[in-house]
Amino acid sequence: TRESMIVRGRLIPLSGPKSADFILHCARTTLYPAAPNFTILDTDYDNWAAMVACGNYGDT
């Protein structure tokens, strides 16, 4: 089942501070996405909130 959730953590740019490509890092999962769809709701690069839709989210 697909579910949406809000996750918070650290936004890590892949190629410099203004990069559009990034990894979402949070304590629960380490790397996000793997989730196919996500929307950044708010960020200052050190802290982010993202709405994530994923079909295979489990306890990790």
Protein backbone atom coordinates (compact mmCIF):
# COMPACT_ATOMS: atom_id res chain seq x y z
CA THR A 1 0.00 0.00 0.00
CA ARG A 2 1.10 3.48 -0.83
CA GLU A 3 1.20 5.89 2.06
CA SER A 4 2.24 9.47 2.51
CA MET A 5 4.15 10.75 5.47
CA ILE A 6 6.11 13.79 6.52
CA VAL A 7 9.73 13.08 7.35
CA ARG A 8 12.33 15.45 8.74
CA GLY A 9 16.10 15.29 8.61
CA ARG A 10 19.14 16.64 6.79
CA LEU A 11 19.30 17.67 3.13
CA ILE A 12 22.66 16.85 1.53
CA PRO A 13 23.40 18.56 -1.84
CA LEU A 14 25.30 16.29 -4.23
CA SER A 15 27.26 18.92 -6.15
CA GLY A 16 27.60 22.11 -4.16
CA PRO A 17 25.30 24.16 -1.98
CA LYS A 18 22.96 25.28 -4.80
CA SER A 19 22.66 21.83 -6.33
CA ALA A 20 19.19 20.67 -7.31
CA ASP A 21 20.22 17.05 -6.75
CA PHE A 22 20.32 15.92 -3.18
CA ILE A 23 20.01 13.05 -0.76
CA LEU A 24 17.46 13.16 2.02
CA HIS A 25 19.01 11.82 5.19
CA CYS A 26 17.07 11.08 8.33
CA ALA A 27 17.66 8.99 11.42
CA ARG A 28 14.95 6.44 10.63
CA THR A 29 15.95 5.41 7.12
CA THR A 30 19.39 6.83 6.27
CA LEU A 31 18.59 7.39 2.58
CA TYR A 32 15.41 8.69 1.04
CA PRO A 33 14.38 8.20 -2.01
CA ALA A 34 14.31 5.04 -2.82
CA ALA A 35 10.85 6.58 -2.39
CA PRO A 36 9.58 7.28 -5.92
CA ASN A 37 7.81 10.57 -5.18
CA PHE A 38 8.66 13.28 -2.73
CA THR A 39 8.04 16.99 -2.31
CA ILE A 40 10.25 19.25 -0.26
CA LEU A 41 7.94 21.31 1.92
CA ASP A 42 10.54 23.47 3.61
CA THR A 43 14.33 23.48 3.92
CA ASP A 44 17.34 25.46 4.98
CA TYR A 45 19.67 22.61 3.87
CA ASP A 46 20.41 21.62 7.46
CA ASN A 47 16.81 20.81 8.28
CA TRP A 48 14.14 19.73 5.88
CA ALA A 49 10.58 18.56 5.90
CA ALA A 50 9.43 16.41 3.00
CA MET A 51 6.17 14.74 2.10
CA VAL A 52 7.05 11.29 0.82
CA ALA A 53 4.82 8.82 -0.98
CA CYS A 54 6.23 5.31 -0.95
CA GLY A 55 4.88 1.84 -1.45
CA ASN A 56 7.40 -0.21 0.50
CA TYR A 57 8.05 1.74 3.68
CA GLY A 58 8.88 -0.45 6.64
CA ASP A 59 10.42 -0.20 10.06
CA THR A 60 14.13 0.44 9.64
